[in-house]
N, C-alpha and C. Protein backbone atom coordinates (compact mmCIF):
# COMPACT_ATOMS: atom_id res chain seq x y z
N MET A 1 32.90 -1.68 -57.22
CA MET A 1 31.60 -2.23 -56.95
C MET A 1 30.56 -1.37 -57.69
N ALA A 2 29.60 -2.03 -58.23
CA ALA A 2 28.58 -1.34 -59.00
C ALA A 2 27.58 -0.70 -58.06
N LYS A 3 26.89 0.28 -58.60
CA LYS A 3 25.91 1.03 -57.82
C LYS A 3 24.83 0.11 -57.27
N ASN A 4 24.38 -0.86 -58.05
CA ASN A 4 23.35 -1.80 -57.62
C ASN A 4 23.85 -2.66 -56.46
N GLU A 5 25.10 -3.06 -56.55
CA GLU A 5 25.68 -3.88 -55.47
C GLU A 5 25.77 -3.07 -54.18
N ILE A 6 26.17 -1.81 -54.30
CA ILE A 6 26.29 -0.95 -53.12
C ILE A 6 24.92 -0.74 -52.50
N LEU A 7 23.92 -0.48 -53.35
CA LEU A 7 22.56 -0.30 -52.84
C LEU A 7 22.05 -1.58 -52.20
N SER A 8 22.37 -2.70 -52.80
CA SER A 8 21.97 -4.00 -52.26
C SER A 8 22.63 -4.24 -50.90
N GLU A 9 23.90 -3.89 -50.77
CA GLU A 9 24.61 -4.05 -49.50
C GLU A 9 24.04 -3.11 -48.44
N ILE A 10 23.70 -1.90 -48.84
CA ILE A 10 23.10 -0.94 -47.90
C ILE A 10 21.75 -1.47 -47.44
N LYS A 11 20.98 -2.00 -48.40
CA LYS A 11 19.66 -2.54 -48.04
C LYS A 11 19.80 -3.72 -47.08
N LYS A 12 20.78 -4.60 -47.34
CA LYS A 12 21.02 -5.74 -46.45
C LYS A 12 21.42 -5.25 -45.06
N ALA A 13 22.27 -4.23 -45.03
CA ALA A 13 22.71 -3.66 -43.74
C ALA A 13 21.54 -3.04 -43.00
N GLU A 14 20.66 -2.36 -43.72
CA GLU A 14 19.49 -1.75 -43.09
C GLU A 14 18.56 -2.84 -42.54
N GLU A 15 18.35 -3.90 -43.34
CA GLU A 15 17.50 -5.01 -42.90
C GLU A 15 18.11 -5.70 -41.68
N SER A 16 19.41 -5.87 -41.71
CA SER A 16 20.11 -6.48 -40.58
C SER A 16 19.98 -5.60 -39.34
N ALA A 17 20.15 -4.30 -39.52
CA ALA A 17 20.02 -3.36 -38.39
C ALA A 17 18.59 -3.37 -37.86
N LYS A 18 17.60 -3.37 -38.78
CA LYS A 18 16.20 -3.41 -38.36
C LYS A 18 15.91 -4.70 -37.61
N SER A 19 16.44 -5.80 -38.11
CA SER A 19 16.24 -7.09 -37.45
C SER A 19 16.85 -7.08 -36.05
N MET A 20 18.05 -6.51 -35.94
CA MET A 20 18.70 -6.42 -34.63
C MET A 20 17.89 -5.54 -33.68
N VAL A 21 17.35 -4.42 -34.17
CA VAL A 21 16.52 -3.53 -33.35
C VAL A 21 15.26 -4.26 -32.92
N ASP A 22 14.62 -4.98 -33.84
CA ASP A 22 13.40 -5.72 -33.51
C ASP A 22 13.68 -6.79 -32.45
N GLU A 23 14.80 -7.50 -32.61
CA GLU A 23 15.18 -8.52 -31.63
C GLU A 23 15.45 -7.88 -30.27
N ALA A 24 16.10 -6.74 -30.28
CA ALA A 24 16.41 -6.04 -29.02
C ALA A 24 15.11 -5.59 -28.35
N ILE A 25 14.16 -5.06 -29.14
CA ILE A 25 12.88 -4.63 -28.58
C ILE A 25 12.12 -5.83 -28.02
N GLU A 26 12.14 -6.94 -28.78
CA GLU A 26 11.45 -8.15 -28.32
C GLU A 26 12.10 -8.68 -27.03
N SER A 27 13.42 -8.66 -27.00
CA SER A 27 14.15 -9.11 -25.80
C SER A 27 13.83 -8.21 -24.61
N LYS A 28 13.82 -6.89 -24.86
CA LYS A 28 13.50 -5.93 -23.79
C LYS A 28 12.09 -6.19 -23.25
N ASN A 29 11.12 -6.37 -24.17
CA ASN A 29 9.74 -6.61 -23.74
C ASN A 29 9.61 -7.91 -22.96
N LYS A 30 10.35 -8.94 -23.38
CA LYS A 30 10.31 -10.22 -22.65
C LYS A 30 10.90 -10.05 -21.25
N ARG A 31 12.01 -9.32 -21.14
CA ARG A 31 12.62 -9.09 -19.82
C ARG A 31 11.68 -8.30 -18.92
N ILE A 32 11.00 -7.30 -19.49
CA ILE A 32 10.03 -6.52 -18.71
C ILE A 32 8.89 -7.42 -18.24
N SER A 33 8.39 -8.24 -19.14
CA SER A 33 7.30 -9.16 -18.80
C SER A 33 7.73 -10.14 -17.71
N ASP A 34 8.94 -10.70 -17.88
CA ASP A 34 9.46 -11.63 -16.87
C ASP A 34 9.66 -10.94 -15.53
N ALA A 35 10.15 -9.69 -15.56
CA ALA A 35 10.37 -8.94 -14.32
C ALA A 35 9.04 -8.65 -13.63
N ARG A 36 8.02 -8.33 -14.41
CA ARG A 36 6.70 -8.08 -13.81
C ARG A 36 6.13 -9.34 -13.20
N ALA A 37 6.29 -10.46 -13.91
CA ALA A 37 5.80 -11.74 -13.37
C ALA A 37 6.54 -12.08 -12.08
N GLU A 38 7.85 -11.87 -12.08
CA GLU A 38 8.63 -12.14 -10.86
C GLU A 38 8.21 -11.21 -9.72
N ALA A 39 7.95 -9.95 -10.04
CA ALA A 39 7.51 -9.00 -9.02
C ALA A 39 6.16 -9.42 -8.44
N ARG A 40 5.25 -9.91 -9.31
CA ARG A 40 3.96 -10.40 -8.80
C ARG A 40 4.15 -11.59 -7.86
N GLU A 41 5.04 -12.48 -8.22
CA GLU A 41 5.31 -13.64 -7.36
C GLU A 41 5.92 -13.21 -6.03
N ILE A 42 6.84 -12.24 -6.09
CA ILE A 42 7.46 -11.74 -4.86
C ILE A 42 6.40 -11.10 -3.97
N LEU A 43 5.52 -10.30 -4.56
CA LEU A 43 4.45 -9.66 -3.78
C LEU A 43 3.51 -10.71 -3.20
N LYS A 44 3.18 -11.70 -3.99
CA LYS A 44 2.28 -12.77 -3.51
C LYS A 44 2.93 -13.50 -2.33
N GLN A 45 4.21 -13.84 -2.46
CA GLN A 45 4.90 -14.54 -1.38
C GLN A 45 5.03 -13.64 -0.15
N ALA A 46 5.28 -12.35 -0.37
CA ALA A 46 5.37 -11.41 0.76
C ALA A 46 4.04 -11.33 1.49
N GLU A 47 2.95 -11.33 0.74
CA GLU A 47 1.63 -11.29 1.36
C GLU A 47 1.38 -12.56 2.17
N ILE A 48 1.76 -13.70 1.62
CA ILE A 48 1.61 -14.97 2.34
C ILE A 48 2.45 -14.94 3.62
N ASP A 49 3.70 -14.49 3.49
CA ASP A 49 4.60 -14.42 4.66
C ASP A 49 4.06 -13.46 5.72
N ALA A 50 3.54 -12.31 5.27
CA ALA A 50 2.99 -11.33 6.23
C ALA A 50 1.77 -11.91 6.94
N HIS A 51 0.93 -12.60 6.21
CA HIS A 51 -0.26 -13.21 6.81
C HIS A 51 0.15 -14.26 7.84
N LYS A 52 1.14 -15.09 7.49
CA LYS A 52 1.62 -16.12 8.42
C LYS A 52 2.23 -15.48 9.66
N ALA A 53 3.03 -14.42 9.45
CA ALA A 53 3.64 -13.73 10.60
C ALA A 53 2.58 -13.13 11.50
N ALA A 54 1.53 -12.58 10.91
CA ALA A 54 0.44 -12.01 11.70
C ALA A 54 -0.27 -13.10 12.49
N GLN A 55 -0.51 -14.24 11.87
CA GLN A 55 -1.16 -15.35 12.58
C GLN A 55 -0.28 -15.85 13.71
N ASP A 56 1.04 -15.98 13.44
CA ASP A 56 1.95 -16.44 14.49
C ASP A 56 1.98 -15.45 15.65
N SER A 57 2.02 -14.17 15.32
CA SER A 57 2.03 -13.13 16.36
C SER A 57 0.74 -13.17 17.17
N PHE A 58 -0.38 -13.32 16.47
CA PHE A 58 -1.67 -13.40 17.16
C PHE A 58 -1.70 -14.62 18.09
N LYS A 59 -1.18 -15.75 17.61
CA LYS A 59 -1.17 -16.98 18.41
C LYS A 59 -0.32 -16.80 19.67
N VAL A 60 0.85 -16.17 19.51
CA VAL A 60 1.73 -15.93 20.66
C VAL A 60 1.03 -15.00 21.66
N GLY A 61 0.39 -13.94 21.15
CA GLY A 61 -0.32 -13.02 22.03
C GLY A 61 -1.46 -13.71 22.75
N GLU A 62 -2.18 -14.55 22.03
CA GLU A 62 -3.29 -15.29 22.64
C GLU A 62 -2.79 -16.22 23.73
N GLU A 63 -1.66 -16.90 23.47
CA GLU A 63 -1.09 -17.80 24.49
C GLU A 63 -0.68 -17.01 25.73
N LYS A 64 -0.08 -15.84 25.53
CA LYS A 64 0.33 -15.02 26.68
C LYS A 64 -0.89 -14.57 27.49
N ILE A 65 -1.95 -14.20 26.79
CA ILE A 65 -3.18 -13.78 27.46
C ILE A 65 -3.76 -14.94 28.27
N LEU A 66 -3.78 -16.13 27.68
CA LEU A 66 -4.32 -17.29 28.39
C LEU A 66 -3.47 -17.63 29.61
N GLU A 67 -2.14 -17.53 29.45
CA GLU A 67 -1.25 -17.79 30.60
C GLU A 67 -1.51 -16.77 31.70
N GLU A 68 -1.64 -15.50 31.34
CA GLU A 68 -1.90 -14.45 32.33
C GLU A 68 -3.25 -14.67 33.00
N ARG A 69 -4.26 -15.05 32.21
CA ARG A 69 -5.58 -15.32 32.76
C ARG A 69 -5.51 -16.47 33.77
N ASP A 70 -4.82 -17.55 33.40
CA ASP A 70 -4.68 -18.69 34.31
C ASP A 70 -3.97 -18.28 35.60
N LYS A 71 -2.94 -17.44 35.47
CA LYS A 71 -2.22 -16.97 36.66
C LYS A 71 -3.15 -16.16 37.56
N ILE A 72 -3.93 -15.28 36.95
CA ILE A 72 -4.86 -14.44 37.73
C ILE A 72 -5.91 -15.31 38.41
N VAL A 73 -6.44 -16.30 37.69
CA VAL A 73 -7.45 -17.20 38.27
C VAL A 73 -6.84 -17.99 39.42
N ASN A 74 -5.63 -18.52 39.22
CA ASN A 74 -4.98 -19.29 40.29
C ASN A 74 -4.69 -18.43 41.51
N ASP A 75 -4.20 -17.21 41.27
CA ASP A 75 -3.94 -16.30 42.39
C ASP A 75 -5.24 -15.97 43.12
N GLY A 76 -6.32 -15.76 42.36
CA GLY A 76 -7.62 -15.48 42.96
C GLY A 76 -8.11 -16.64 43.81
N GLU A 77 -7.93 -17.86 43.30
CA GLU A 77 -8.35 -19.04 44.07
C GLU A 77 -7.53 -19.16 45.35
N LYS A 78 -6.23 -18.92 45.25
CA LYS A 78 -5.38 -18.98 46.44
C LYS A 78 -5.81 -17.93 47.47
N ASN A 79 -6.08 -16.72 46.98
CA ASN A 79 -6.53 -15.66 47.88
C ASN A 79 -7.88 -16.00 48.51
N ALA A 80 -8.77 -16.58 47.74
CA ALA A 80 -10.09 -16.95 48.27
C ALA A 80 -9.94 -18.02 49.34
N ILE A 81 -9.07 -19.00 49.10
CA ILE A 81 -8.84 -20.05 50.10
C ILE A 81 -8.24 -19.46 51.36
N ALA A 82 -7.26 -18.56 51.18
CA ALA A 82 -6.62 -17.93 52.35
C ALA A 82 -7.64 -17.11 53.13
N MET A 83 -8.48 -16.35 52.42
CA MET A 83 -9.50 -15.55 53.10
C MET A 83 -10.51 -16.45 53.81
N SER A 84 -10.86 -17.55 53.20
CA SER A 84 -11.81 -18.49 53.80
C SER A 84 -11.22 -19.09 55.08
N GLN A 85 -9.95 -19.46 55.01
CA GLN A 85 -9.30 -20.03 56.20
C GLN A 85 -9.21 -18.98 57.31
N LYS A 86 -8.88 -17.75 56.93
CA LYS A 86 -8.79 -16.68 57.92
C LYS A 86 -10.17 -16.41 58.53
N ALA A 87 -11.18 -16.41 57.65
CA ALA A 87 -12.54 -16.19 58.16
C ALA A 87 -12.95 -17.32 59.10
N GLN A 88 -12.61 -18.53 58.75
CA GLN A 88 -12.95 -19.68 59.60
C GLN A 88 -12.26 -19.56 60.95
N ALA A 89 -11.00 -19.15 60.93
CA ALA A 89 -10.27 -18.95 62.18
C ALA A 89 -10.93 -17.84 63.00
N ASN A 90 -11.37 -16.78 62.37
CA ASN A 90 -12.04 -15.69 63.07
C ASN A 90 -13.39 -16.14 63.62
N ILE A 91 -14.08 -17.01 62.90
CA ILE A 91 -15.36 -17.52 63.41
C ILE A 91 -15.12 -18.32 64.68
N ASP A 92 -14.12 -19.17 64.65
CA ASP A 92 -13.81 -19.96 65.84
C ASP A 92 -13.46 -19.03 67.01
N LYS A 93 -12.66 -18.00 66.77
CA LYS A 93 -12.31 -17.06 67.83
C LYS A 93 -13.55 -16.32 68.33
N SER A 94 -14.41 -15.92 67.38
CA SER A 94 -15.63 -15.19 67.74
C SER A 94 -16.54 -16.06 68.59
N VAL A 95 -16.70 -17.32 68.19
CA VAL A 95 -17.55 -18.24 68.96
C VAL A 95 -16.98 -18.40 70.36
N ASN A 96 -15.69 -18.60 70.50
CA ASN A 96 -15.06 -18.75 71.81
C ASN A 96 -15.24 -17.49 72.65
N TYR A 97 -15.08 -16.33 72.01
CA TYR A 97 -15.25 -15.07 72.72
C TYR A 97 -16.69 -14.92 73.21
N LEU A 98 -17.65 -15.22 72.32
CA LEU A 98 -19.05 -15.10 72.71
C LEU A 98 -19.40 -16.08 73.84
N LEU A 99 -18.88 -17.28 73.77
CA LEU A 99 -19.13 -18.26 74.83
C LEU A 99 -18.56 -17.77 76.16
N GLN A 100 -17.34 -17.23 76.10
CA GLN A 100 -16.74 -16.72 77.34
C GLN A 100 -17.55 -15.56 77.91
N GLU A 101 -17.98 -14.65 77.06
CA GLU A 101 -18.78 -13.52 77.52
C GLU A 101 -20.12 -14.00 78.07
N PHE A 102 -20.72 -14.97 77.41
CA PHE A 102 -21.99 -15.52 77.88
C PHE A 102 -21.81 -16.18 79.24
N GLU A 103 -20.76 -17.00 79.35
CA GLU A 103 -20.52 -17.67 80.64
C GLU A 103 -20.26 -16.64 81.73
N ARG A 104 -19.50 -15.61 81.47
CA ARG A 104 -19.22 -14.59 82.47
C ARG A 104 -20.51 -13.85 82.84
N ALA A 105 -21.33 -13.57 81.85
CA ALA A 105 -22.58 -12.88 82.13
C ALA A 105 -23.49 -13.76 82.95
N VAL A 106 -23.52 -15.06 82.66
CA VAL A 106 -24.39 -15.97 83.40
C VAL A 106 -23.86 -16.14 84.82
N LEU A 107 -22.57 -16.27 84.98
CA LEU A 107 -21.98 -16.50 86.30
C LEU A 107 -22.06 -15.24 87.18
N ASN A 108 -22.05 -14.09 86.59
CA ASN A 108 -22.08 -12.85 87.35
C ASN A 108 -23.50 -12.47 87.76
N GLU A 109 -24.50 -13.13 87.32
CA GLU A 109 -25.86 -12.77 87.69
C GLU A 109 -26.16 -13.15 89.06
């Protein structure tokens, strides 16, 4: 093989190697870009999921608070009714007692 042919083959091999390196760099950069885009999407979806989970948790907590409030109000109303009935019974007893004492005081005069 002549010197020119050898140099030509070396030059072709160098160009081929450079082309392969350029393609590899371009491929690497594209994969990095794609990975970054995918990471942004994953972060965006994670943020959406976290926000939804927080809203769901808040809603559950709010429902529990409302249920507890209703229970406390109902218990309070029941206690108020019971106290009112007891007070009414005591009023009736007190009136009867006062009438008996009045009658005894009047009869003993």
